[in-house]
């Protein structure tokens, strides 16, 4: 089953959210989880996606129907299939994110090359 761009974005966002939650509460006696409505509210307020709230619910219904998402005590989690899709998306986008992080960092970009030229222009 091939996912569209918005569905991949939802799987990716949910996977990142879960990984950050688990990292934050690692080795702690408690954990955190998120419901579907809370995740949709967060996605809308954070401008993660440009689609409307009802379309987000429809995409979640599709992901649930095709076993990408499941629930555990009213908490939204990725199924095995959802985790596989999340890993595919991560493998696809991590190189792009790394390049963006490298170029947007405040480090001196000239340290990556010894053949850079400086050109003085006068307007």
PDB file of N, CA and C in Angstrom:
ATOM      1  N   UNK A   1       0.845  -1.171   0.000  1.00  0.00           N
ATOM      2  CA  UNK A   1       0.000   0.000   0.000  1.00  0.00           C
ATOM      3  C   UNK A   1       0.891   1.235   0.000  1.00  0.00           C
ATOM      4  N   UNK A   2       0.715   2.077  -0.989  1.00  0.00           N
ATOM      5  CA  UNK A   2       1.511   3.290  -1.118  1.00  0.00           C
ATOM      6  C   UNK A   2       0.784   4.444  -0.427  1.00  0.00           C
ATOM      7  N   UNK A   3       1.532   5.204   0.359  1.00  0.00           N
ATOM      8  CA  UNK A   3       0.955   6.339   1.073  1.00  0.00           C
ATOM      9  C   UNK A   3       1.170   7.625   0.288  1.00  0.00           C
ATOM     10  N   UNK A   4       0.216   8.548   0.419  1.00  0.00           N
ATOM     11  CA  UNK A   4       0.409   9.846  -0.217  1.00  0.00           C
ATOM     12  C   UNK A   4       1.296  10.723   0.669  1.00  0.00           C
ATOM     13  N   UNK A   5       1.585  11.917   0.187  1.00  0.00           N
ATOM     14  CA  UNK A   5       2.529  12.797   0.875  1.00  0.00           C
ATOM     15  C   UNK A   5       2.046  13.161   2.285  1.00  0.00           C
ATOM     16  N   UNK A   6       0.779  13.468   2.422  1.00  0.00           N
ATOM     17  CA  UNK A   6       0.241  13.865   3.727  1.00  0.00           C
ATOM     18  C   UNK A   6       0.261  12.697   4.719  1.00  0.00           C
ATOM     19  N   UNK A   7      -0.030  11.502   4.252  1.00  0.00           N
ATOM     20  CA  UNK A   7      -0.005  10.333   5.121  1.00  0.00           C
ATOM     21  C   UNK A   7       1.410  10.022   5.567  1.00  0.00           C
ATOM     22  N   UNK A   8       2.380  10.137   4.646  1.00  0.00           N
ATOM     23  CA  UNK A   8       3.781   9.942   5.024  1.00  0.00           C
ATOM     24  C   UNK A   8       4.205  10.990   6.049  1.00  0.00           C
ATOM     25  N   UNK A   9       3.736  12.219   5.867  1.00  0.00           N
ATOM     26  CA  UNK A   9       4.063  13.280   6.807  1.00  0.00           C
ATOM     27  C   UNK A   9       3.490  12.987   8.191  1.00  0.00           C
ATOM     28  N   UNK A  10       2.283  12.448   8.243  1.00  0.00           N
ATOM     29  CA  UNK A  10       1.689  12.087   9.527  1.00  0.00           C
ATOM     30  C   UNK A  10       2.454  10.951  10.198  1.00  0.00           C
ATOM     31  N   UNK A  11       2.824   9.935   9.431  1.00  0.00           N
ATOM     32  CA  UNK A  11       3.596   8.823   9.984  1.00  0.00           C
ATOM     33  C   UNK A  11       4.947   9.327  10.478  1.00  0.00           C
ATOM     34  N   UNK A  12       5.587  10.174   9.695  1.00  0.00           N
ATOM     35  CA  UNK A  12       6.889  10.731  10.071  1.00  0.00           C
ATOM     36  C   UNK A  12       6.768  11.587  11.335  1.00  0.00           C
ATOM     37  N   UNK A  13       5.759  12.448  11.395  1.00  0.00           N
ATOM     38  CA  UNK A  13       5.562  13.313  12.562  1.00  0.00           C
ATOM     39  C   UNK A  13       5.282  12.497  13.814  1.00  0.00           C
ATOM     40  N   UNK A  14       4.426  11.506  13.677  1.00  0.00           N
ATOM     41  CA  UNK A  14       4.110  10.669  14.833  1.00  0.00           C
ATOM     42  C   UNK A  14       5.327   9.875  15.281  1.00  0.00           C
ATOM     43  N   UNK A  15       6.106   9.362  14.339  1.00  0.00           N
ATOM     44  CA  UNK A  15       7.324   8.639  14.689  1.00  0.00           C
ATOM     45  C   UNK A  15       8.337   9.523  15.389  1.00  0.00           C
ATOM     46  N   UNK A  16       8.521  10.748  14.901  1.00  0.00           N
ATOM     47  CA  UNK A  16       9.438  11.684  15.562  1.00  0.00           C
ATOM     48  C   UNK A  16       8.948  12.057  16.952  1.00  0.00           C
ATOM     49  N   UNK A  17       7.648  12.263  17.076  1.00  0.00           N
ATOM     50  CA  UNK A  17       7.077  12.594  18.381  1.00  0.00           C
ATOM     51  C   UNK A  17       7.321  11.472  19.379  1.00  0.00           C
ATOM     52  N   UNK A  18       7.055  10.233  18.947  1.00  0.00           N
ATOM     53  CA  UNK A  18       7.270   9.094  19.840  1.00  0.00           C
ATOM     54  C   UNK A  18       8.735   8.935  20.209  1.00  0.00           C
ATOM     55  N   UNK A  19       9.625   9.112  19.248  1.00  0.00           N
ATOM     56  CA  UNK A  19      11.044   8.953  19.568  1.00  0.00           C
ATOM     57  C   UNK A  19      11.519  10.051  20.523  1.00  0.00           C
ATOM     58  N   UNK A  20      11.002  11.267  20.373  1.00  0.00           N
ATOM     59  CA  UNK A  20      11.405  12.326  21.303  1.00  0.00           C
ATOM     60  C   UNK A  20      10.794  12.115  22.683  1.00  0.00           C
ATOM     61  N   UNK A  21       9.570  11.613  22.736  1.00  0.00           N
ATOM     62  CA  UNK A  21       8.945  11.328  24.037  1.00  0.00           C
ATOM     63  C   UNK A  21       9.701  10.214  24.744  1.00  0.00           C
ATOM     64  N   UNK A  22      10.027   9.140  24.013  1.00  0.00           N
ATOM     65  CA  UNK A  22      10.744   8.029  24.642  1.00  0.00           C
ATOM     66  C   UNK A  22      12.138   8.440  25.081  1.00  0.00           C
ATOM     67  N   UNK A  23      12.792   9.302  24.300  1.00  0.00           N
ATOM     68  CA  UNK A  23      14.126   9.773  24.693  1.00  0.00           C
ATOM     69  C   UNK A  23      14.048  10.637  25.948  1.00  0.00           C
ATOM     70  N   UNK A  24      13.014  11.438  26.046  1.00  0.00           N
ATOM     71  CA  UNK A  24      12.877  12.324  27.204  1.00  0.00           C
ATOM     72  C   UNK A  24      12.609  11.548  28.488  1.00  0.00           C
ATOM     73  N   UNK A  25      11.826  10.480  28.400  1.00  0.00           N
ATOM     74  CA  UNK A  25      11.450   9.734  29.593  1.00  0.00           C
ATOM     75  C   UNK A  25      12.192   8.413  29.737  1.00  0.00           C
ATOM     76  N   UNK A  26      13.318   8.283  29.034  1.00  0.00           N
ATOM     77  CA  UNK A  26      14.110   7.062  29.127  1.00  0.00           C
ATOM     78  C   UNK A  26      14.654   6.919  30.551  1.00  0.00           C
ATOM     79  N   UNK A  27      14.616   5.711  31.069  1.00  0.00           N
ATOM     80  CA  UNK A  27      15.078   5.400  32.428  1.00  0.00           C
ATOM     81  C   UNK A  27      14.297   6.149  33.501  1.00  0.00           C
ATOM     82  N   UNK A  28      13.057   6.474  33.218  1.00  0.00           N
ATOM     83  CA  UNK A  28      12.174   7.113  34.189  1.00  0.00           C
ATOM     84  C   UNK A  28      11.003   6.160  34.451  1.00  0.00           C
ATOM     85  N   UNK A  29      10.398   6.239  35.610  1.00  0.00           N
ATOM     86  CA  UNK A  29       9.303   5.301  35.921  1.00  0.00           C
ATOM     87  C   UNK A  29       7.969   5.660  35.284  1.00  0.00           C
ATOM     88  N   UNK A  30       7.939   6.623  34.385  1.00  0.00           N
ATOM     89  CA  UNK A  30       6.692   7.010  33.736  1.00  0.00           C
ATOM     90  C   UNK A  30       6.940   7.267  32.259  1.00  0.00           C
ATOM     91  N   UNK A  31       5.858   7.370  31.535  1.00  0.00           N
ATOM     92  CA  UNK A  31       5.957   7.651  30.096  1.00  0.00           C
ATOM     93  C   UNK A  31       4.817   8.585  29.707  1.00  0.00           C
ATOM     94  N   UNK A  32       4.873   9.082  28.510  1.00  0.00           N
ATOM     95  CA  UNK A  32       3.832   9.974  27.995  1.00  0.00           C
ATOM     96  C   UNK A  32       3.285   9.389  26.706  1.00  0.00           C
ATOM     97  N   UNK A  33       2.074   9.749  26.399  1.00  0.00           N
ATOM     98  CA  UNK A  33       1.457   9.297  25.158  1.00  0.00           C
ATOM     99  C   UNK A  33       0.557  10.409  24.651  1.00  0.00           C
ATOM    100  N   UNK A  34       0.032  10.215  23.455  1.00  0.00           N
ATOM    101  CA  UNK A  34      -0.810  11.252  22.844  1.00  0.00           C
ATOM    102  C   UNK A  34      -2.006  10.592  22.167  1.00  0.00           C
ATOM    103  N   UNK A  35      -3.137  11.239  22.266  1.00  0.00           N
ATOM    104  CA  UNK A  35      -4.338  10.743  21.601  1.00  0.00           C
ATOM    105  C   UNK A  35      -4.403  11.318  20.187  1.00  0.00           C
ATOM    106  N   UNK A  36      -5.311  10.769  19.391  1.00  0.00           N
ATOM    107  CA  UNK A  36      -5.451  11.237  18.020  1.00  0.00           C
ATOM    108  C   UNK A  36      -5.877  12.698  17.988  1.00  0.00           C
ATOM    109  N   UNK A  37      -6.848  13.077  18.801  1.00  0.00           N
ATOM    110  CA  UNK A  37      -7.325  14.464  18.791  1.00  0.00           C
ATOM    111  C   UNK A  37      -6.236  15.428  19.266  1.00  0.00           C
ATOM    112  N   UNK A  38      -5.448  15.024  20.265  1.00  0.00           N
ATOM    113  CA  UNK A  38      -4.360  15.883  20.746  1.00  0.00           C
ATOM    114  C   UNK A  38      -3.279  16.023  19.678  1.00  0.00           C
ATOM    115  N   UNK A  39      -2.977  14.942  18.959  1.00  0.00           N
ATOM    116  CA  UNK A  39      -1.975  15.009  17.900  1.00  0.00           C
ATOM    117  C   UNK A  39      -2.452  15.912  16.765  1.00  0.00           C
ATOM    118  N   UNK A  40      -3.713  15.803  16.398  1.00  0.00           N
ATOM    119  CA  UNK A  40      -4.253  16.643  15.324  1.00  0.00           C
ATOM    120  C   UNK A  40      -4.250  18.104  15.753  1.00  0.00           C
ATOM    121  N   UNK A  41      -4.610  18.372  17.000  1.00  0.00           N
ATOM    122  CA  UNK A  41      -4.557  19.748  17.503  1.00  0.00           C
ATOM    123  C   UNK A  41      -3.128  20.288  17.452  1.00  0.00           C
ATOM    124  N   UNK A  42      -2.164  19.460  17.860  1.00  0.00           N
ATOM    125  CA  UNK A  42      -0.761  19.867  17.823  1.00  0.00           C
ATOM    126  C   UNK A  42      -0.318  20.115  16.381  1.00  0.00           C
ATOM    127  N   UNK A  43      -0.692  19.234  15.459  1.00  0.00           N
ATOM    128  CA  UNK A  43      -0.307  19.378  14.057  1.00  0.00           C
ATOM    129  C   UNK A  43      -0.892  20.646  13.454  1.00  0.00           C
ATOM    130  N   UNK A  44      -2.117  20.971  13.800  1.00  0.00           N
ATOM    131  CA  UNK A  44      -2.750  22.184  13.275  1.00  0.00           C
ATOM    132  C   UNK A  44      -2.099  23.441  13.864  1.00  0.00           C
ATOM    133  N   UNK A  45      -1.849  23.446  15.169  1.00  0.00           N
ATOM    134  CA  UNK A  45      -1.268  24.625  15.818  1.00  0.00           C
ATOM    135  C   UNK A  45       0.194  24.837  15.437  1.00  0.00           C
ATOM    136  N   UNK A  46       0.924  23.756  15.159  1.00  0.00           N
ATOM    137  CA  UNK A  46       2.335  23.860  14.796  1.00  0.00           C
ATOM    138  C   UNK A  46       2.531  24.027  13.291  1.00  0.00           C
ATOM    139  N   UNK A  47       1.446  24.070  12.530  1.00  0.00           N
ATOM    140  CA  UNK A  47       1.490  24.200  11.070  1.00  0.00           C
ATOM    141  C   UNK A  47       2.358  23.118  10.427  1.00  0.00           C
ATOM    142  N   UNK A  48       2.227  21.896  10.926  1.00  0.00           N
ATOM    143  CA  UNK A  48       2.958  20.767  10.360  1.00  0.00           C
ATOM    144  C   UNK A  48       2.437  20.448   8.966  1.00  0.00           C
ATOM    145  N   UNK A  49       1.165  20.621   8.781  1.00  0.00           N
ATOM    146  CA  UNK A  49       0.554  20.325   7.492  1.00  0.00           C
ATOM    147  C   UNK A  49      -0.391  21.450   7.098  1.00  0.00           C
ATOM    148  N   UNK A  50      -0.668  21.557   5.825  1.00  0.00           N
ATOM    149  CA  UNK A  50      -1.533  22.637   5.347  1.00  0.00           C
ATOM    150  C   UNK A  50      -2.973  22.183   5.129  1.00  0.00           C
ATOM    151  N   UNK A  51      -3.256  20.918   5.355  1.00  0.00           N
ATOM    152  CA  UNK A  51      -4.616  20.432   5.119  1.00  0.00           C
ATOM    153  C   UNK A  51      -5.498  20.717   6.328  1.00  0.00           C
ATOM    154  N   UNK A  52      -6.796  20.650   6.124  1.00  0.00           N
ATOM    155  CA  UNK A  52      -7.768  20.967   7.159  1.00  0.00           C
ATOM    156  C   UNK A  52      -7.905  19.821   8.159  1.00  0.00           C
ATOM    157  N   UNK A  53      -8.522  20.138   9.275  1.00  0.00           N
ATOM    158  CA  UNK A  53      -8.674  19.175  10.363  1.00  0.00           C
ATOM    159  C   UNK A  53      -9.427  17.923   9.923  1.00  0.00           C
ATOM    160  N   UNK A  54     -10.493  18.084   9.168  1.00  0.00           N
ATOM    161  CA  UNK A  54     -11.274  16.932   8.724  1.00  0.00           C
ATOM    162  C   UNK A  54     -10.448  16.025   7.815  1.00  0.00           C
ATOM    163  N   UNK A  55      -9.610  16.615   6.974  1.00  0.00           N
ATOM    164  CA  UNK A  55      -8.741  15.812   6.107  1.00  0.00           C
ATOM    165  C   UNK A  55      -7.720  15.043   6.926  1.00  0.00           C
ATOM    166  N   UNK A  56      -7.253  15.639   8.024  1.00  0.00           N
ATOM    167  CA  UNK A  56      -6.333  14.917   8.909  1.00  0.00           C
ATOM    168  C   UNK A  56      -7.019  13.693   9.514  1.00  0.00           C
ATOM    169  N   UNK A  57      -8.258  13.873   9.962  1.00  0.00           N
ATOM    170  CA  UNK A  57      -9.002  12.730  10.497  1.00  0.00           C
ATOM    171  C   UNK A  57      -9.190  11.646   9.442  1.00  0.00           C
ATOM    172  N   UNK A  58      -9.486  12.030   8.203  1.00  0.00           N
ATOM    173  CA  UNK A  58      -9.642  11.052   7.121  1.00  0.00           C
ATOM    174  C   UNK A  58      -8.329  10.309   6.868  1.00  0.00           C
ATOM    175  N   UNK A  59      -7.212  11.033   6.889  1.00  0.00           N
ATOM    176  CA  UNK A  59      -5.914  10.380   6.694  1.00  0.00           C
ATOM    177  C   UNK A  59      -5.611   9.419   7.844  1.00  0.00           C
ATOM    178  N   UNK A  60      -5.949   9.808   9.070  1.00  0.00           N
ATOM    179  CA  UNK A  60      -5.750   8.905  10.196  1.00  0.00           C
ATOM    180  C   UNK A  60      -6.623   7.661  10.063  1.00  0.00           C
ATOM    181  N   UNK A  61      -7.861   7.832   9.608  1.00  0.00           N
ATOM    182  CA  UNK A  61      -8.737   6.684   9.399  1.00  0.00           C
ATOM    183  C   UNK A  61      -8.136   5.725   8.375  1.00  0.00           C
ATOM    184  N   UNK A  62      -7.582   6.280   7.297  1.00  0.00           N
ATOM    185  CA  UNK A  62      -6.934   5.453   6.282  1.00  0.00           C
ATOM    186  C   UNK A  62      -5.748   4.698   6.891  1.00  0.00           C
ATOM    187  N   UNK A  63      -4.919   5.397   7.658  1.00  0.00           N
ATOM    188  CA  UNK A  63      -3.741   4.766   8.270  1.00  0.00           C
ATOM    189  C   UNK A  63      -4.149   3.675   9.270  1.00  0.00           C
ATOM    190  N   UNK A  64      -5.231   3.904  10.000  1.00  0.00           N
ATOM    191  CA  UNK A  64      -5.732   2.887  10.929  1.00  0.00           C
ATOM    192  C   UNK A  64      -6.277   1.682  10.171  1.00  0.00           C
ATOM    193  N   UNK A  65      -7.038   1.945   9.124  1.00  0.00           N
ATOM    194  CA  UNK A  65      -7.655   0.870   8.338  1.00  0.00           C
ATOM    195  C   UNK A  65      -6.601  -0.033   7.709  1.00  0.00           C
ATOM    196  N   UNK A  66      -5.484   0.544   7.272  1.00  0.00           N
ATOM    197  CA  UNK A  66      -4.433  -0.218   6.611  1.00  0.00           C
ATOM    198  C   UNK A  66      -3.287  -0.585   7.550  1.00  0.00           C
ATOM    199  N   UNK A  67      -3.550  -0.559   8.843  1.00  0.00           N
ATOM    200  CA  UNK A  67      -2.643  -1.068   9.893  1.00  0.00           C
ATOM    201  C   UNK A  67      -1.301  -0.348   9.977  1.00  0.00           C
ATOM    202  N   UNK A  68      -1.292   0.954   9.745  1.00  0.00           N
ATOM    203  CA  UNK A  68      -0.082   1.732   9.974  1.00  0.00           C
ATOM    204  C   UNK A  68      -0.070   2.297  11.392  1.00  0.00           C
ATOM    205  N   UNK A  69      -1.255   2.489  11.952  1.00  0.00           N
ATOM    206  CA  UNK A  69      -1.409   3.013  13.305  1.00  0.00           C
ATOM    207  C   UNK A  69      -2.277   2.068  14.112  1.00  0.00           C
ATOM    208  N   UNK A  70      -2.084   2.114  15.415  1.00  0.00           N
ATOM    209  CA  UNK A  70      -2.963   1.363  16.304  1.00  0.00           C
ATOM    210  C   UNK A  70      -3.099   2.138  17.607  1.00  0.00           C
ATOM    211  N   UNK A  71      -3.934   1.638  18.466  1.00  0.00           N
ATOM    212  CA  UNK A  71      -4.168   2.294  19.745  1.00  0.00           C
ATOM    213  C   UNK A  71      -3.783   1.363  20.885  1.00  0.00           C
ATOM    214  N   UNK A  72      -3.253   1.958  21.922  1.00  0.00           N
ATOM    215  CA  UNK A  72      -2.963   1.234  23.149  1.00  0.00           C
ATOM    216  C   UNK A  72      -3.432   2.125  24.284  1.00  0.00           C
ATOM    217  N   UNK A  73      -4.510   1.721  24.959  1.00  0.00           N
ATOM    218  CA  UNK A  73      -5.115   2.524  26.033  1.00  0.00           C
ATOM    219  C   UNK A  73      -5.411   3.949  25.576  1.00  0.00           C
ATOM    220  N   UNK A  74      -6.079   4.086  24.458  1.00  0.00           N
ATOM    221  CA  UNK A  74      -6.461   5.361  23.859  1.00  0.00           C
ATOM    222  C   UNK A  74      -5.268   6.209  23.422  1.00  0.00           C
ATOM    223  N   UNK A  75      -4.099   5.615  23.354  1.00  0.00           N
ATOM    224  CA  UNK A  75      -2.903   6.320  22.901  1.00  0.00           C
ATOM    225  C   UNK A  75      -2.572   5.890  21.485  1.00  0.00           C
ATOM    226  N   UNK A  76      -2.178   6.822  20.694  1.00  0.00           N
ATOM    227  CA  UNK A  76      -1.855   6.586  19.300  1.00  0.00           C
ATOM    228  C   UNK A  76      -0.420   6.089  19.189  1.00  0.00           C
ATOM    229  N   UNK A  77      -0.214   4.938  18.548  1.00  0.00           N
ATOM    230  CA  UNK A  77       1.132   4.391  18.368  1.00  0.00           C
ATOM    231  C   UNK A  77       1.275   3.869  16.937  1.00  0.00           C
ATOM    232  N   UNK A  78       2.504   3.778  16.492  1.00  0.00           N
ATOM    233  CA  UNK A  78       2.784   3.184  15.185  1.00  0.00           C
ATOM    234  C   UNK A  78       2.811   1.669  15.317  1.00  0.00           C
ATOM    235  N   UNK A  79       2.190   0.983  14.383  1.00  0.00           N
ATOM    236  CA  UNK A  79       2.265  -0.474  14.352  1.00  0.00           C
ATOM    237  C   UNK A  79       3.604  -0.876  13.731  1.00  0.00           C
ATOM    238  N   UNK A  80       3.852  -2.163  13.603  1.00  0.00           N
ATOM    239  CA  UNK A  80       5.082  -2.620  12.955  1.00  0.00           C
ATOM    240  C   UNK A  80       5.159  -2.087  11.530  1.00  0.00           C
ATOM    241  N   UNK A  81       4.048  -2.134  10.848  1.00  0.00           N
ATOM    242  CA  UNK A  81       3.999  -1.627   9.471  1.00  0.00           C
ATOM    243  C   UNK A  81       4.254  -0.122   9.449  1.00  0.00           C
ATOM    244  N   UNK A  82       3.699   0.600  10.416  1.00  0.00           N
ATOM    245  CA  UNK A  82       3.919   2.031  10.517  1.00  0.00           C
ATOM    246  C   UNK A  82       5.367   2.363  10.826  1.00  0.00           C
ATOM    247  N   UNK A  83       5.998   1.550  11.685  1.00  0.00           N
ATOM    248  CA  UNK A  83       7.416   1.771  12.000  1.00  0.00           C
ATOM    249  C   UNK A  83       8.292   1.523  10.772  1.00  0.00           C
ATOM    250  N   UNK A  84       7.943   0.509   9.970  1.00  0.00           N
ATOM    251  CA  UNK A  84       8.683   0.268   8.725  1.00  0.00           C
ATOM    252  C   UNK A  84       8.568   1.455   7.781  1.00  0.00           C
ATOM    253  N   UNK A  85       7.359   1.980   7.654  1.00  0.00           N
ATOM    254  CA  UNK A  85       7.148   3.150   6.785  1.00  0.00           C
ATOM    255  C   UNK A  85       7.891   4.364   7.331  1.00  0.00           C
ATOM    256  N   UNK A  86       7.878   4.552   8.660  1.00  0.00           N
ATOM    257  CA  UNK A  86       8.617   5.655   9.284  1.00  0.00           C
ATOM    258  C   UNK A  86      10.107   5.530   8.978  1.00  0.00           C
ATOM    259  N   UNK A  87      10.646   4.325   9.089  1.00  0.00           N
ATOM    260  CA  UNK A  87      12.067   4.121   8.797  1.00  0.00           C
ATOM    261  C   UNK A  87      12.393   4.391   7.331  1.00  0.00           C
ATOM    262  N   UNK A  88      11.474   4.057   6.422  1.00  0.00           N
ATOM    263  CA  UNK A  88      11.672   4.359   5.002  1.00  0.00           C
ATOM    264  C   UNK A  88      11.724   5.868   4.777  1.00  0.00           C
ATOM    265  N   UNK A  89      10.792   6.580   5.401  1.00  0.00           N
ATOM    266  CA  UNK A  89      10.745   8.029   5.240  1.00  0.00           C
ATOM    267  C   UNK A  89      12.002   8.662   5.842  1.00  0.00           C
ATOM    268  N   UNK A  90      12.428   8.169   6.995  1.00  0.00           N
ATOM    269  CA  UNK A  90      13.641   8.697   7.626  1.00  0.00           C
ATOM    270  C   UNK A  90      14.841   8.466   6.722  1.00  0.00           C
ATOM    271  N   UNK A  91      14.942   7.258   6.166  1.00  0.00           N
ATOM    272  CA  UNK A  91      16.070   6.935   5.285  1.00  0.00           C
ATOM    273  C   UNK A  91      16.065   7.831   4.045  1.00  0.00           C
ATOM    274  N   UNK A  92      14.889   8.209   3.585  1.00  0.00           N
ATOM    275  CA  UNK A  92      14.779   9.067   2.414  1.00  0.00           C
ATOM    276  C   UNK A  92      15.161  10.513   2.727  1.00  0.00           C
ATOM    277  N   UNK A  93      14.710  11.024   3.872  1.00  0.00           N
ATOM    278  CA  UNK A  93      14.855  12.450   4.151  1.00  0.00           C
ATOM    279  C   UNK A  93      16.036  12.837   5.017  1.00  0.00           C
ATOM    280  N   UNK A  94      16.624  11.930   5.740  1.00  0.00           N
ATOM    281  CA  UNK A  94      17.733  12.291   6.628  1.00  0.00           C
ATOM    282  C   UNK A  94      18.904  12.921   5.870  1.00  0.00           C
ATOM    283  N   UNK A  95      19.296  12.428   4.705  1.00  0.00           N
ATOM    284  CA  UNK A  95      20.385  13.121   3.995  1.00  0.00           C
ATOM    285  C   UNK A  95      20.053  14.584   3.678  1.00  0.00           C
ATOM    286  N   UNK A  96      18.807  14.862   3.307  1.00  0.00           N
ATOM    287  CA  UNK A  96      18.410  16.233   3.021  1.00  0.00           C
ATOM    288  C   UNK A  96      18.426  17.083   4.288  1.00  0.00           C
ATOM    289  N   UNK A  97      17.963  16.513   5.380  1.00  0.00           N
ATOM    290  CA  UNK A  97      17.962  17.237   6.650  1.00  0.00           C
ATOM    291  C   UNK A  97      19.383  17.505   7.128  1.00  0.00           C
ATOM    292  N   UNK A  98      20.281  16.553   6.914  1.00  0.00           N
ATOM    293  CA  UNK A  98      21.679  16.747   7.301  1.00  0.00           C
ATOM    294  C   UNK A  98      22.319  17.879   6.510  1.00  0.00           C
ATOM    295  N   UNK A  99      22.045  17.937   5.212  1.00  0.00           N
ATOM    296  CA  UNK A  99      22.584  19.014   4.383  1.00  0.00           C
ATOM    297  C   UNK A  99      22.023  20.360   4.856  1.00  0.00           C
ATOM    298  N   UNK A 100      20.738  20.397   5.122  1.00  0.00           N
ATOM    299  CA  UNK A 100      20.127  21.635   5.603  1.00  0.00           C
ATOM    300  C   UNK A 100      20.741  22.065   6.932  1.00  0.00           C
ATOM    301  N   UNK A 101      20.930  21.124   7.822  1.00  0.00           N
ATOM    302  CA  UNK A 101      21.520  21.439   9.128  1.00  0.00           C
ATOM    303  C   UNK A 101      22.953  21.935   8.970  1.00  0.00           C
ATOM    304  N   UNK A 102      23.702  21.330   8.080  1.00  0.00           N
ATOM    305  CA  UNK A 102      25.088  21.741   7.854  1.00  0.00           C
ATOM    306  C   UNK A 102      25.151  23.153   7.293  1.00  0.00           C
ATOM    307  N   UNK A 103      24.328  23.446   6.292  1.00  0.00           N
ATOM    308  CA  UNK A 103      24.381  24.769   5.666  1.00  0.00           C
ATOM    309  C   UNK A 103      23.751  25.856   6.530  1.00  0.00           C
ATOM    310  N   UNK A 104      22.827  25.507   7.384  1.00  0.00           N
ATOM    311  CA  UNK A 104      22.197  26.531   8.215  1.00  0.00           C
ATOM    312  C   UNK A 104      22.884  26.690   9.567  1.00  0.00           C
ATOM    313  N   UNK A 105      23.918  25.883   9.831  1.00  0.00           N
ATOM    314  CA  UNK A 105      24.629  26.026  11.099  1.00  0.00           C
ATOM    315  C   UNK A 105      25.451  27.299  11.078  1.00  0.00           C
ATOM    316  N   UNK A 106      25.841  27.738  12.237  1.00  0.00           N
ATOM    317  CA  UNK A 106      26.602  28.981  12.326  1.00  0.00           C
ATOM    318  C   UNK A 106      28.104  28.751  12.181  1.00  0.00           C
ATOM    319  N   UNK A 107      28.491  27.548  11.876  1.00  0.00           N
ATOM    320  CA  UNK A 107      29.904  27.264  11.644  1.00  0.00           C
ATOM    321  C   UNK A 107      30.350  27.928  10.340  1.00  0.00           C
ATOM    322  N   UNK A 108      31.614  28.155  10.230  1.00  0.00           N
ATOM    323  CA  UNK A 108      32.156  28.759   9.028  1.00  0.00           C
ATOM    324  C   UNK A 108      32.111  27.733   7.898  1.00  0.00           C
ATOM    325  N   UNK A 109      31.388  28.060   6.821  1.00  0.00           N
ATOM    326  CA  UNK A 109      31.242  27.131   5.704  1.00  0.00           C
ATOM    327  C   UNK A 109      32.552  26.925   4.955  1.00  0.00           C
ATOM    328  N   UNK A 110      33.503  27.855   5.089  1.00  0.00           N
ATOM    329  CA  UNK A 110      34.760  27.737   4.364  1.00  0.00           C
ATOM    330  C   UNK A 110      35.630  26.610   4.897  1.00  0.00           C
ATOM    331  N   UNK A 111      35.339  26.126   6.088  1.00  0.00           N
ATOM    332  CA  UNK A 111      36.169  25.045   6.608  1.00  0.00           C
ATOM    333  C   UNK A 111      35.938  23.726   5.866  1.00  0.00           C
ATOM    334  N   UNK A 112      34.876  23.636   5.078  1.00  0.00           N
ATOM    335  CA  UNK A 112      34.591  22.417   4.333  1.00  0.00           C
ATOM    336  C   UNK A 112      35.346  22.350   3.010  1.00  0.00           C
ATOM    337  N   UNK A 113      35.960  23.449   2.601  1.00  0.00           N
ATOM    338  CA  UNK A 113      36.697  23.461   1.344  1.00  0.00           C
ATOM    339  C   UNK A 113      37.934  24.345   1.476  1.00  0.00           C
ATOM    340  N   UNK A 114      38.926  24.016   0.706  1.00  0.00           N
ATOM    341  CA  UNK A 114      40.136  24.845   0.706  1.00  0.00           C
ATOM    342  C   UNK A 114      40.233  25.656  -0.580  1.00  0.00           C
ATOM    343  N   UNK A 115      39.266  25.506  -1.473  1.00  0.00           N
ATOM    344  CA  UNK A 115      39.338  26.170  -2.775  1.00  0.00           C
ATOM    345  C   UNK A 115      38.258  27.230  -2.950  1.00  0.00           C
ATOM    346  N   UNK A 116      37.734  27.740  -1.858  1.00  0.00           N
ATOM    347  CA  UNK A 116      36.699  28.767  -1.973  1.00  0.00           C
ATOM    348  C   UNK A 116      37.333  30.096  -2.347  1.00  0.00           C
ATOM    349  N   UNK A 117      36.603  30.872  -3.123  1.00  0.00           N
ATOM    350  CA  UNK A 117      37.093  32.180  -3.552  1.00  0.00           C
ATOM    351  C   UNK A 117      36.229  33.264  -2.938  1.00  0.00           C
ATOM    352  N   UNK A 118      36.859  34.336  -2.636  1.00  0.00           N
ATOM    353  CA  UNK A 118      36.122  35.513  -2.211  1.00  0.00           C
ATOM    354  C   UNK A 118      36.143  36.517  -3.333  1.00  0.00           C
ATOM    355  N   UNK A 119      35.026  37.094  -3.670  1.00  0.00           N
ATOM    356  CA  UNK A 119      34.941  38.038  -4.765  1.00  0.00           C
ATOM    357  C   UNK A 119      34.327  39.325  -4.219  1.00  0.00           C
ATOM    358  N   UNK A 120      34.983  40.418  -4.481  1.00  0.00           N
ATOM    359  CA  UNK A 120      34.495  41.720  -4.066  1.00  0.00           C
ATOM    360  C   UNK A 120      33.734  42.339  -5.228  1.00  0.00           C
ATOM    361  N   UNK A 121      32.498  42.702  -4.994  1.00  0.00           N
ATOM    362  CA  UNK A 121      31.711  43.328  -6.048  1.00  0.00           C
ATOM    363  C   UNK A 121      31.354  44.739  -5.635  1.00  0.00           C
ATOM    364  N   UNK A 122      31.350  45.611  -6.573  1.00  0.00           N
ATOM    365  CA  UNK A 122      30.987  47.004  -6.332  1.00  0.00           C
ATOM    366  C   UNK A 122      29.777  47.316  -7.181  1.00  0.00           C
ATOM    367  N   UNK A 123      28.788  47.865  -6.540  1.00  0.00           N
ATOM    368  CA  UNK A 123      27.557  48.191  -7.274  1.00  0.00           C
ATOM    369  C   UNK A 123      27.454  49.677  -7.496  1.00  0.00           C
TER     370      UNK A 123
END
